[in-house]
Structure formats: structure tokens, C-alpha cells
Amino acid sequence: MSKEEYLSIAESYYTEFESLKASSNFYDYEKSLAEMMQKLSSEYMEKQLNESSVTQDRRKKNSNPF
């Protein structure tokens, strides 16, 4: 994944991050931030794994057992 691809994923969450400023208390802010960071990291990891995967079938065994 290139830097531009990562930045485009992060940019898609920017408005959500900015909306956190309107949170009424720190607990709501922290909870929402944690959820958004989890979605962002999940999307990033999924994209990374899809690029490095040779096959689309995740159940396929590798020829090298180690």
C-alpha cells in the first residue's frame, strides 16, 4: 500500500474525527475515538492483507509449513 492510499483512507475519516470536538464529555469522546480508530485500522489491515495475498481463498494451505 502506498502512502497516498493510506492517506486517502485516513482522509475519509477526517470529518468524523472533527465531529468529536462537539462531544459533551471526555467519556463520549474517548469511546467514539476508539471506535473510529478501530474501523480505520481494520480497513487499513484489510487492504494490506488483500494486496499481499496471492490467492483470494484464505483457507488454502501454504506449501511451506514453517
Protein backbone atom coordinates (compact mmCIF):
# COMPACT_ATOMS: atom_id res chain seq x y z
CA MET A 1 0.00 0.00 0.00
CA SER A 2 1.34 3.37 -0.93
CA LYS A 3 1.38 6.46 1.24
CA GLU A 4 -1.30 8.04 -0.94
CA GLU A 5 -3.63 5.07 -0.47
CA TYR A 6 -3.22 5.21 3.30
CA LEU A 7 -3.81 8.95 3.34
CA SER A 8 -6.99 8.56 1.29
CA ILE A 9 -8.31 6.04 3.85
CA ALA A 10 -7.41 8.35 6.73
CA GLU A 11 -8.91 11.34 4.94
CA SER A 12 -12.24 9.55 4.65
CA TYR A 13 -12.43 9.57 8.48
CA TYR A 14 -11.37 13.19 8.91
CA THR A 15 -14.88 14.66 9.18
CA GLU A 16 -15.78 12.08 11.81
CA PHE A 17 -12.67 13.00 13.80
CA GLU A 18 -13.57 16.67 13.57
CA SER A 19 -17.09 15.96 14.82
CA LEU A 20 -15.60 14.64 18.07
CA LYS A 21 -14.91 18.21 19.15
CA ALA A 22 -18.63 18.57 19.85
CA SER A 23 -18.63 15.74 22.41
CA SER A 24 -20.18 16.74 25.69
CA ASN A 25 -17.75 14.85 27.91
CA PHE A 26 -14.46 13.05 27.75
CA TYR A 27 -16.01 9.58 28.07
CA ASP A 28 -18.08 10.02 24.89
CA TYR A 29 -15.05 11.49 23.12
CA GLU A 30 -12.81 8.58 24.11
CA LYS A 31 -15.43 5.95 23.22
CA SER A 32 -16.09 7.45 19.78
CA LEU A 33 -12.39 7.91 19.08
CA ALA A 34 -11.65 4.29 19.97
CA GLU A 35 -14.43 3.06 17.66
CA MET A 36 -13.23 5.20 14.77
CA MET A 37 -9.60 4.17 15.23
CA GLN A 38 -10.68 0.53 15.25
CA LYS A 39 -12.59 0.99 11.97
CA LEU A 40 -9.65 2.85 10.43
CA SER A 41 -7.11 0.23 11.46
CA SER A 42 -9.41 -2.58 10.33
CA GLU A 43 -9.82 -1.02 6.90
CA TYR A 44 -6.06 -0.46 6.65
CA MET A 45 -5.25 -4.03 7.68
CA GLU A 46 -7.82 -5.47 5.29
CA LYS A 47 -6.36 -3.51 2.40
CA GLN A 48 -2.82 -4.59 3.34
CA LEU A 49 -3.80 -8.25 3.53
CA ASN A 50 -5.66 -8.16 0.23
CA GLU A 51 -2.62 -6.73 -1.53
CA SER A 52 -0.20 -9.27 -0.11
CA SER A 53 -2.48 -12.24 -0.67
CA VAL A 54 -1.51 -14.44 -3.59
CA THR A 55 -4.86 -16.15 -3.65
CA GLN A 56 -8.29 -14.97 -2.64
CA ASP A 57 -9.03 -18.25 -0.84
CA ARG A 58 -7.86 -17.74 2.77
CA ARG A 59 -8.34 -21.43 3.54
CA LYS A 60 -5.72 -22.61 1.05
CA LYS A 61 -2.69 -24.23 2.67
CA ASN A 62 0.76 -22.93 2.01
CA SER A 63 3.30 -25.30 0.52
CA ASN A 64 5.80 -24.30 3.20
CA PRO A 65 4.55 -25.42 6.65
CA PHE A 66 7.01 -23.19 8.54
